[in-house]
Amino acid sequence: MIGCATYVPKEAQSPDDLRWMRVALSMAQEAFDHGEVPVGCVFVREGRILAQARNRTNELLNATRHAELEAIDEILQETPPKDPQFGRSPHSGPEDDNVLLGTTLYVTIEPCLIASYLALETNDSVEMGLDALSYNPPYESQGGYLREEAIMILRQFYMTENTKGAFSC
């Protein structure tokens, strides 16, 4: 459903979707282990992982290094350009293939706005653990996959202070 995430009850969740969400959760656990907000994701096309990643915003001191963008960078690094004059971007020329077309993004919590825009442009769908969407994304999205696990890892993180998080006066 476009405009809001469709909740998928446990009994309707496919084994494949759960498998990919477990990969995303393992990346979220890795993020947690490194002192990051525990968000993980995996991009899948035709039953194959294209990339998996975790948040690295604290590690790199860069607020844009969300799990989804880390994974996209990994995909782009492994994809040579069709025309070297345009550099490494698959979006650079009309004859280039978009390496993200036809992918499904599995992420432990709703994607950030930047990743949401990319999902609109490239993904078949977005599957989430925690679907607390605060905006109406213009792409197909489903939530509820391993929802309890996604909530628990976030709770575990937020029980302690994010020492590298933003501070205000």
N, C-alpha and C. Protein backbone atom coordinates (compact mmCIF):
# COMPACT_ATOMS: atom_id res chain seq x y z
N MET A 1 0.84 -1.18 0.00
CA MET A 1 0.00 0.00 0.00
C MET A 1 0.88 1.24 0.00
N ILE A 2 0.65 2.15 -0.89
CA ILE A 2 1.42 3.37 -0.98
C ILE A 2 0.82 4.41 -0.04
N GLY A 3 1.67 5.11 0.70
CA GLY A 3 1.21 6.16 1.59
C GLY A 3 1.35 5.82 3.06
N CYS A 4 1.31 4.55 3.41
CA CYS A 4 1.59 4.14 4.78
C CYS A 4 1.99 2.67 4.76
N ALA A 5 2.70 2.27 5.79
CA ALA A 5 3.16 0.89 5.84
C ALA A 5 1.99 -0.04 6.16
N THR A 6 1.94 -1.14 5.46
CA THR A 6 0.96 -2.17 5.73
C THR A 6 1.53 -3.11 6.78
N TYR A 7 0.82 -3.29 7.88
CA TYR A 7 1.28 -4.21 8.92
C TYR A 7 1.04 -5.64 8.45
N VAL A 8 2.07 -6.47 8.55
CA VAL A 8 1.96 -7.87 8.17
C VAL A 8 1.98 -8.70 9.45
N PRO A 9 0.87 -9.36 9.81
CA PRO A 9 0.85 -10.17 11.03
C PRO A 9 1.81 -11.35 10.92
N LYS A 10 2.27 -11.84 12.06
CA LYS A 10 3.26 -12.92 12.10
C LYS A 10 2.88 -14.10 11.22
N GLU A 11 1.62 -14.50 11.29
CA GLU A 11 1.21 -15.70 10.55
C GLU A 11 1.25 -15.50 9.03
N ALA A 12 1.31 -14.28 8.57
CA ALA A 12 1.35 -14.00 7.13
C ALA A 12 2.75 -13.65 6.63
N GLN A 13 3.73 -13.65 7.51
CA GLN A 13 5.09 -13.28 7.12
C GLN A 13 5.78 -14.47 6.44
N SER A 14 6.37 -14.21 5.29
CA SER A 14 7.00 -15.29 4.53
C SER A 14 8.36 -15.65 5.12
N PRO A 15 8.76 -16.91 4.98
CA PRO A 15 10.08 -17.32 5.47
C PRO A 15 11.22 -16.51 4.83
N ASP A 16 11.08 -16.17 3.56
CA ASP A 16 12.13 -15.38 2.90
C ASP A 16 12.23 -13.99 3.51
N ASP A 17 11.10 -13.33 3.71
CA ASP A 17 11.13 -12.00 4.32
C ASP A 17 11.74 -12.06 5.72
N LEU A 18 11.39 -13.07 6.49
CA LEU A 18 11.94 -13.22 7.83
C LEU A 18 13.44 -13.49 7.78
N ARG A 19 13.86 -14.27 6.81
CA ARG A 19 15.29 -14.55 6.64
C ARG A 19 16.07 -13.26 6.41
N TRP A 20 15.58 -12.42 5.50
CA TRP A 20 16.29 -11.18 5.19
C TRP A 20 16.22 -10.21 6.36
N MET A 21 15.10 -10.21 7.07
CA MET A 21 15.00 -9.31 8.23
C MET A 21 15.96 -9.76 9.33
N ARG A 22 16.21 -11.06 9.45
CA ARG A 22 17.20 -11.53 10.43
C ARG A 22 18.59 -11.01 10.08
N VAL A 23 18.90 -10.94 8.80
CA VAL A 23 20.18 -10.36 8.39
C VAL A 23 20.23 -8.89 8.80
N ALA A 24 19.15 -8.16 8.56
CA ALA A 24 19.10 -6.75 8.95
C ALA A 24 19.25 -6.61 10.46
N LEU A 25 18.61 -7.48 11.22
CA LEU A 25 18.74 -7.43 12.68
C LEU A 25 20.15 -7.75 13.14
N SER A 26 20.83 -8.66 12.45
CA SER A 26 22.23 -8.94 12.81
C SER A 26 23.10 -7.72 12.58
N MET A 27 22.79 -6.95 11.54
CA MET A 27 23.53 -5.71 11.30
C MET A 27 23.19 -4.67 12.37
N ALA A 28 21.94 -4.64 12.82
CA ALA A 28 21.56 -3.73 13.90
C ALA A 28 22.30 -4.10 15.18
N GLN A 29 22.44 -5.39 15.45
CA GLN A 29 23.19 -5.83 16.63
C GLN A 29 24.65 -5.40 16.53
N GLU A 30 25.22 -5.52 15.34
CA GLU A 30 26.60 -5.07 15.12
C GLU A 30 26.71 -3.57 15.37
N ALA A 31 25.72 -2.81 14.91
CA ALA A 31 25.72 -1.36 15.16
C ALA A 31 25.69 -1.11 16.67
N PHE A 32 24.82 -1.81 17.38
CA PHE A 32 24.72 -1.66 18.83
C PHE A 32 26.06 -1.97 19.49
N ASP A 33 26.70 -3.05 19.06
CA ASP A 33 27.98 -3.46 19.64
C ASP A 33 29.07 -2.41 19.43
N HIS A 34 28.89 -1.56 18.42
CA HIS A 34 29.85 -0.49 18.12
C HIS A 34 29.38 0.87 18.65
N GLY A 35 28.37 0.88 19.51
CA GLY A 35 27.91 2.12 20.12
C GLY A 35 27.07 2.99 19.21
N GLU A 36 26.49 2.39 18.18
CA GLU A 36 25.65 3.12 17.23
C GLU A 36 24.17 2.91 17.56
N VAL A 37 23.32 3.82 17.07
CA VAL A 37 21.89 3.55 17.10
C VAL A 37 21.69 2.26 16.31
N PRO A 38 21.07 1.24 16.91
CA PRO A 38 21.02 -0.08 16.29
C PRO A 38 20.02 -0.20 15.14
N VAL A 39 20.48 0.21 13.98
CA VAL A 39 19.70 0.07 12.76
C VAL A 39 20.55 -0.70 11.76
N GLY A 40 19.94 -1.69 11.14
CA GLY A 40 20.61 -2.47 10.12
C GLY A 40 19.70 -2.66 8.93
N CYS A 41 20.31 -2.95 7.78
CA CYS A 41 19.51 -3.16 6.58
C CYS A 41 20.20 -4.12 5.64
N VAL A 42 19.43 -4.58 4.68
CA VAL A 42 19.96 -5.42 3.61
C VAL A 42 19.15 -5.13 2.35
N PHE A 43 19.84 -5.00 1.23
CA PHE A 43 19.21 -4.87 -0.08
C PHE A 43 19.25 -6.23 -0.75
N VAL A 44 18.10 -6.68 -1.25
CA VAL A 44 17.98 -8.00 -1.86
C VAL A 44 17.35 -7.86 -3.23
N ARG A 45 17.89 -8.62 -4.18
CA ARG A 45 17.27 -8.72 -5.51
C ARG A 45 17.31 -10.19 -5.93
N GLU A 46 16.14 -10.69 -6.30
CA GLU A 46 16.01 -12.06 -6.81
C GLU A 46 16.66 -13.08 -5.88
N GLY A 47 16.40 -12.93 -4.58
CA GLY A 47 16.89 -13.90 -3.61
C GLY A 47 18.37 -13.82 -3.30
N ARG A 48 19.00 -12.71 -3.67
CA ARG A 48 20.44 -12.56 -3.44
C ARG A 48 20.71 -11.23 -2.74
N ILE A 49 21.59 -11.26 -1.75
CA ILE A 49 21.97 -10.03 -1.04
C ILE A 49 22.90 -9.21 -1.93
N LEU A 50 22.52 -7.96 -2.17
CA LEU A 50 23.40 -7.04 -2.88
C LEU A 50 24.33 -6.34 -1.90
N ALA A 51 23.81 -5.99 -0.73
CA ALA A 51 24.61 -5.33 0.31
C ALA A 51 23.87 -5.40 1.62
N GLN A 52 24.63 -5.39 2.68
CA GLN A 52 24.07 -5.29 4.03
C GLN A 52 24.94 -4.31 4.79
N ALA A 53 24.31 -3.54 5.68
CA ALA A 53 25.08 -2.51 6.38
C ALA A 53 24.39 -2.14 7.69
N ARG A 54 25.10 -1.33 8.46
CA ARG A 54 24.62 -0.85 9.75
C ARG A 54 24.88 0.64 9.85
N ASN A 55 24.24 1.26 10.82
CA ASN A 55 24.52 2.66 11.10
C ASN A 55 25.99 2.84 11.45
N ARG A 56 26.59 3.93 10.96
CA ARG A 56 27.97 4.27 11.31
C ARG A 56 28.11 5.76 11.60
N THR A 57 27.02 6.40 11.99
CA THR A 57 27.03 7.85 12.20
C THR A 57 27.97 8.27 13.32
N ASN A 58 27.97 7.56 14.44
CA ASN A 58 28.86 7.91 15.55
C ASN A 58 30.31 7.59 15.21
N GLU A 59 30.53 6.43 14.63
CA GLU A 59 31.88 5.99 14.28
C GLU A 59 32.56 6.97 13.34
N LEU A 60 31.83 7.44 12.34
CA LEU A 60 32.39 8.33 11.33
C LEU A 60 32.13 9.80 11.64
N LEU A 61 31.39 10.07 12.72
CA LEU A 61 31.01 11.44 13.08
C LEU A 61 30.39 12.16 11.89
N ASN A 62 29.47 11.44 11.24
CA ASN A 62 28.81 11.94 10.04
C ASN A 62 27.34 11.51 10.10
N ALA A 63 26.47 12.47 10.28
CA ALA A 63 25.05 12.17 10.47
C ALA A 63 24.38 11.53 9.26
N THR A 64 25.03 11.50 8.12
CA THR A 64 24.42 10.91 6.92
C THR A 64 24.77 9.43 6.75
N ARG A 65 25.57 8.87 7.61
CA ARG A 65 26.02 7.48 7.41
C ARG A 65 25.06 6.48 8.03
N HIS A 66 23.80 6.61 7.61
CA HIS A 66 22.78 5.66 8.03
C HIS A 66 23.02 4.32 7.34
N ALA A 67 22.44 3.27 7.89
CA ALA A 67 22.63 1.93 7.37
C ALA A 67 22.29 1.85 5.88
N GLU A 68 21.18 2.45 5.49
CA GLU A 68 20.74 2.35 4.09
C GLU A 68 21.75 3.00 3.14
N LEU A 69 22.29 4.14 3.53
CA LEU A 69 23.25 4.83 2.67
C LEU A 69 24.59 4.11 2.64
N GLU A 70 24.97 3.49 3.75
CA GLU A 70 26.18 2.67 3.77
C GLU A 70 26.03 1.49 2.79
N ALA A 71 24.86 0.86 2.79
CA ALA A 71 24.62 -0.27 1.89
C ALA A 71 24.62 0.18 0.43
N ILE A 72 24.01 1.31 0.15
CA ILE A 72 23.99 1.83 -1.22
C ILE A 72 25.41 2.12 -1.68
N ASP A 73 26.23 2.71 -0.83
CA ASP A 73 27.62 2.97 -1.19
C ASP A 73 28.35 1.67 -1.52
N GLU A 74 28.08 0.62 -0.74
CA GLU A 74 28.71 -0.68 -1.00
C GLU A 74 28.30 -1.21 -2.38
N ILE A 75 27.04 -1.08 -2.71
CA ILE A 75 26.56 -1.53 -4.02
C ILE A 75 27.24 -0.74 -5.13
N LEU A 76 27.31 0.56 -4.97
CA LEU A 76 27.91 1.41 -6.00
C LEU A 76 29.40 1.13 -6.17
N GLN A 77 30.11 0.83 -5.10
CA GLN A 77 31.53 0.53 -5.19
C GLN A 77 31.79 -0.75 -5.97
N GLU A 78 30.84 -1.66 -5.93
CA GLU A 78 31.01 -2.94 -6.62
C GLU A 78 30.45 -2.92 -8.04
N THR A 79 29.94 -1.78 -8.47
CA THR A 79 29.33 -1.66 -9.78
C THR A 79 30.13 -0.69 -10.64
N PRO A 80 30.87 -1.20 -11.60
CA PRO A 80 31.64 -0.28 -12.44
C PRO A 80 30.71 0.55 -13.33
N PRO A 81 31.11 1.79 -13.60
CA PRO A 81 30.28 2.63 -14.47
C PRO A 81 30.32 2.10 -15.90
N LYS A 82 29.26 2.35 -16.64
CA LYS A 82 29.24 1.98 -18.06
C LYS A 82 30.07 2.94 -18.88
N ASP A 83 30.10 4.19 -18.46
CA ASP A 83 30.84 5.21 -19.20
C ASP A 83 31.74 5.95 -18.22
N PRO A 84 33.06 5.71 -18.27
CA PRO A 84 33.97 6.30 -17.29
C PRO A 84 33.92 7.82 -17.22
N GLN A 85 33.51 8.50 -18.27
CA GLN A 85 33.48 9.97 -18.22
C GLN A 85 32.48 10.48 -17.18
N PHE A 86 31.52 9.64 -16.80
CA PHE A 86 30.52 10.06 -15.83
C PHE A 86 30.91 9.71 -14.40
N GLY A 87 32.02 9.03 -14.19
CA GLY A 87 32.39 8.66 -12.83
C GLY A 87 31.71 7.38 -12.39
N ARG A 88 31.54 7.20 -11.10
CA ARG A 88 31.04 5.93 -10.57
C ARG A 88 29.54 5.91 -10.34
N SER A 89 28.84 6.95 -10.66
CA SER A 89 27.41 7.00 -10.35
C SER A 89 26.56 6.33 -11.42
N PRO A 90 25.70 5.37 -11.03
CA PRO A 90 24.83 4.74 -12.01
C PRO A 90 23.70 5.66 -12.45
N HIS A 91 23.56 6.79 -11.80
CA HIS A 91 22.50 7.74 -12.15
C HIS A 91 23.02 8.82 -13.09
N SER A 92 24.25 8.67 -13.60
CA SER A 92 24.91 9.78 -14.26
C SER A 92 24.56 9.95 -15.73
N GLY A 93 24.16 8.93 -16.39
CA GLY A 93 23.85 9.07 -17.80
C GLY A 93 22.61 8.29 -18.16
N PRO A 94 21.89 8.70 -19.19
CA PRO A 94 20.64 8.04 -19.54
C PRO A 94 20.83 6.59 -19.96
N GLU A 95 22.01 6.24 -20.43
CA GLU A 95 22.23 4.86 -20.87
C GLU A 95 22.67 3.94 -19.73
N ASP A 96 22.95 4.51 -18.56
CA ASP A 96 23.39 3.70 -17.43
C ASP A 96 22.21 2.95 -16.82
N ASP A 97 22.49 1.75 -16.32
CA ASP A 97 21.49 1.00 -15.57
C ASP A 97 21.46 1.52 -14.15
N ASN A 98 20.31 1.52 -13.54
CA ASN A 98 20.19 1.87 -12.13
C ASN A 98 20.35 0.57 -11.36
N VAL A 99 21.46 0.43 -10.65
CA VAL A 99 21.78 -0.83 -9.99
C VAL A 99 20.84 -1.16 -8.83
N LEU A 100 20.02 -0.21 -8.42
CA LEU A 100 19.09 -0.48 -7.32
C LEU A 100 17.69 -0.86 -7.79
N LEU A 101 17.43 -0.75 -9.08
CA LEU A 101 16.10 -1.11 -9.58
C LEU A 101 15.78 -2.56 -9.27
N GLY A 102 14.56 -2.78 -8.85
CA GLY A 102 14.10 -4.14 -8.60
C GLY A 102 14.56 -4.73 -7.28
N THR A 103 15.13 -3.90 -6.41
CA THR A 103 15.57 -4.42 -5.12
C THR A 103 14.48 -4.26 -4.07
N THR A 104 14.61 -5.05 -3.04
CA THR A 104 13.78 -4.88 -1.85
C THR A 104 14.72 -4.50 -0.72
N LEU A 105 14.36 -3.46 0.01
CA LEU A 105 15.13 -3.02 1.16
C LEU A 105 14.48 -3.57 2.42
N TYR A 106 15.25 -4.31 3.20
CA TYR A 106 14.82 -4.78 4.52
C TYR A 106 15.57 -3.95 5.54
N VAL A 107 14.84 -3.29 6.43
CA VAL A 107 15.47 -2.41 7.41
C VAL A 107 14.74 -2.56 8.74
N THR A 108 15.49 -2.47 9.83
CA THR A 108 14.92 -2.75 11.14
C THR A 108 13.95 -1.69 11.63
N ILE A 109 14.04 -0.49 11.12
CA ILE A 109 13.11 0.58 11.45
C ILE A 109 12.90 1.40 10.18
N GLU A 110 11.86 2.20 10.15
CA GLU A 110 11.55 2.97 8.94
C GLU A 110 12.80 3.66 8.40
N PRO A 111 12.95 3.71 7.09
CA PRO A 111 14.11 4.36 6.49
C PRO A 111 14.11 5.87 6.75
N CYS A 112 15.31 6.44 6.78
CA CYS A 112 15.42 7.89 6.89
C CYS A 112 14.84 8.53 5.62
N LEU A 113 14.64 9.83 5.64
CA LEU A 113 14.03 10.51 4.49
C LEU A 113 14.87 10.37 3.22
N ILE A 114 16.19 10.44 3.34
CA ILE A 114 17.04 10.30 2.15
C ILE A 114 16.86 8.91 1.56
N ALA A 115 16.92 7.88 2.40
CA ALA A 115 16.73 6.52 1.92
C ALA A 115 15.31 6.32 1.40
N SER A 116 14.35 7.00 1.99
CA SER A 116 12.97 6.91 1.51
C SER A 116 12.84 7.44 0.09
N TYR A 117 13.52 8.53 -0.22
CA TYR A 117 13.51 9.07 -1.58
C TYR A 117 14.12 8.06 -2.54
N LEU A 118 15.24 7.47 -2.15
CA LEU A 118 15.87 6.46 -3.00
C LEU A 118 14.96 5.26 -3.19
N ALA A 119 14.23 4.89 -2.14
CA ALA A 119 13.29 3.78 -2.26
C ALA A 119 12.21 4.09 -3.28
N LEU A 120 11.74 5.31 -3.27
CA LEU A 120 10.73 5.74 -4.24
C LEU A 120 11.26 5.57 -5.66
N GLU A 121 12.53 5.90 -5.86
CA GLU A 121 13.13 5.87 -7.19
C GLU A 121 13.53 4.48 -7.65
N THR A 122 13.82 3.56 -6.70
CA THR A 122 14.49 2.35 -7.11
C THR A 122 13.92 1.04 -6.61
N ASN A 123 13.36 1.02 -5.42
CA ASN A 123 12.99 -0.25 -4.81
C ASN A 123 11.62 -0.73 -5.26
N ASP A 124 11.49 -2.05 -5.30
CA ASP A 124 10.17 -2.62 -5.48
C ASP A 124 9.35 -2.40 -4.22
N SER A 125 9.98 -2.61 -3.06
CA SER A 125 9.28 -2.40 -1.80
C SER A 125 10.27 -2.24 -0.66
N VAL A 126 9.76 -1.79 0.46
CA VAL A 126 10.54 -1.66 1.69
C VAL A 126 9.84 -2.49 2.75
N GLU A 127 10.58 -3.38 3.38
CA GLU A 127 10.05 -4.23 4.44
C GLU A 127 10.73 -3.80 5.73
N MET A 128 9.94 -3.56 6.78
CA MET A 128 10.48 -3.02 8.03
C MET A 128 10.14 -3.90 9.21
N GLY A 129 10.97 -3.78 10.24
CA GLY A 129 10.63 -4.39 11.51
C GLY A 129 9.67 -3.48 12.26
N LEU A 130 10.12 -2.28 12.54
CA LEU A 130 9.33 -1.30 13.27
C LEU A 130 8.85 -0.25 12.29
N ASP A 131 7.55 -0.14 12.13
CA ASP A 131 6.96 0.73 11.11
C ASP A 131 6.30 1.94 11.74
N ALA A 132 7.08 2.74 12.43
CA ALA A 132 6.55 3.94 13.09
C ALA A 132 6.66 5.14 12.16
N LEU A 133 6.12 5.00 10.98
CA LEU A 133 6.27 6.05 9.97
C LEU A 133 5.59 7.34 10.40
N SER A 134 6.37 8.40 10.39
CA SER A 134 5.83 9.70 10.78
C SER A 134 5.49 10.55 9.57
N TYR A 135 5.61 9.98 8.40
CA TYR A 135 5.27 10.65 7.15
C TYR A 135 4.64 9.59 6.25
N ASN A 136 4.07 10.00 5.16
CA ASN A 136 3.43 9.05 4.26
C ASN A 136 4.33 8.79 3.06
N PRO A 137 5.13 7.73 3.11
CA PRO A 137 6.06 7.48 2.02
C PRO A 137 5.31 7.11 0.74
N PRO A 138 5.76 7.64 -0.39
CA PRO A 138 5.09 7.37 -1.66
C PRO A 138 5.60 6.09 -2.33
N TYR A 139 5.82 5.05 -1.55
CA TYR A 139 6.25 3.77 -2.10
C TYR A 139 5.61 2.67 -1.28
N GLU A 140 5.63 1.47 -1.82
CA GLU A 140 5.06 0.33 -1.11
C GLU A 140 5.94 -0.03 0.08
N SER A 141 5.33 -0.19 1.24
CA SER A 141 6.09 -0.60 2.42
C SER A 141 5.24 -1.49 3.31
N GLN A 142 5.92 -2.41 3.96
CA GLN A 142 5.26 -3.32 4.88
C GLN A 142 6.06 -3.36 6.17
N GLY A 143 5.38 -3.49 7.28
CA GLY A 143 6.06 -3.53 8.57
C GLY A 143 5.58 -4.67 9.43
N GLY A 144 6.31 -4.90 10.51
CA GLY A 144 5.95 -5.92 11.46
C GLY A 144 6.88 -7.12 11.46
N TYR A 145 7.82 -7.17 10.54
CA TYR A 145 8.75 -8.29 10.46
C TYR A 145 9.71 -8.26 11.64
N LEU A 146 9.66 -9.28 12.49
CA LEU A 146 10.50 -9.37 13.69
C LEU A 146 10.42 -8.08 14.50
N ARG A 147 9.23 -7.55 14.57
CA ARG A 147 8.97 -6.25 15.21
C ARG A 147 9.45 -6.21 16.66
N GLU A 148 9.15 -7.26 17.43
CA GLU A 148 9.53 -7.27 18.85
C GLU A 148 11.04 -7.19 19.00
N GLU A 149 11.77 -7.94 18.17
CA GLU A 149 13.24 -7.91 18.23
C GLU A 149 13.77 -6.53 17.87
N ALA A 150 13.17 -5.90 16.87
CA ALA A 150 13.60 -4.56 16.46
C ALA A 150 13.35 -3.55 17.59
N ILE A 151 12.22 -3.68 18.26
CA ILE A 151 11.92 -2.78 19.38
C ILE A 151 12.89 -3.02 20.53
N MET A 152 13.16 -4.27 20.85
CA MET A 152 14.00 -4.58 22.01
C MET A 152 15.42 -4.07 21.83
N ILE A 153 15.98 -4.17 20.65
CA ILE A 153 17.35 -3.69 20.47
C ILE A 153 17.40 -2.16 20.57
N LEU A 154 16.36 -1.48 20.09
CA LEU A 154 16.31 -0.03 20.25
C LEU A 154 16.14 0.35 21.72
N ARG A 155 15.29 -0.37 22.44
CA ARG A 155 15.12 -0.10 23.88
C ARG A 155 16.44 -0.29 24.62
N GLN A 156 17.12 -1.37 24.29
CA GLN A 156 18.40 -1.66 24.93
C GLN A 156 19.38 -0.51 24.72
N PHE A 157 19.42 0.03 23.52
CA PHE A 157 20.32 1.14 23.21
C PHE A 157 19.92 2.39 23.98
N TYR A 158 18.64 2.72 23.97
CA TYR A 158 18.19 3.97 24.57
C TYR A 158 18.09 3.90 26.09
N MET A 159 18.33 2.74 26.69
CA MET A 159 18.42 2.66 28.15
C MET A 159 19.72 3.31 28.64
N THR A 160 20.68 3.43 27.75
CA THR A 160 21.94 4.10 28.07
C THR A 160 22.00 5.38 27.27
N GLU A 161 22.89 6.26 27.65
CA GLU A 161 23.01 7.54 26.95
C GLU A 161 23.85 7.37 25.69
N ASN A 162 23.43 8.01 24.61
CA ASN A 162 24.21 8.04 23.38
C ASN A 162 25.25 9.15 23.55
N THR A 163 26.44 8.77 23.97
CA THR A 163 27.47 9.76 24.29
C THR A 163 27.96 10.53 23.08
N LYS A 164 27.69 10.02 21.89
CA LYS A 164 28.12 10.73 20.68
C LYS A 164 26.95 11.40 19.98
N GLY A 165 25.78 11.37 20.60
CA GLY A 165 24.60 11.99 20.00
C GLY A 165 24.67 13.50 20.07
N ALA A 166 23.74 14.14 19.39
CA ALA A 166 23.67 15.60 19.38
C ALA A 166 23.27 16.12 20.76
N PHE A 167 23.86 17.23 21.11
CA PHE A 167 23.56 17.86 22.40
C PHE A 167 23.01 19.25 22.14
N SER A 168 22.14 19.70 23.00
CA SER A 168 21.63 21.06 22.88
C SER A 168 21.85 21.80 24.19
N CYS A 169 21.89 23.11 24.13
CA CYS A 169 22.12 23.93 25.33
C CYS A 169 20.81 24.24 26.01
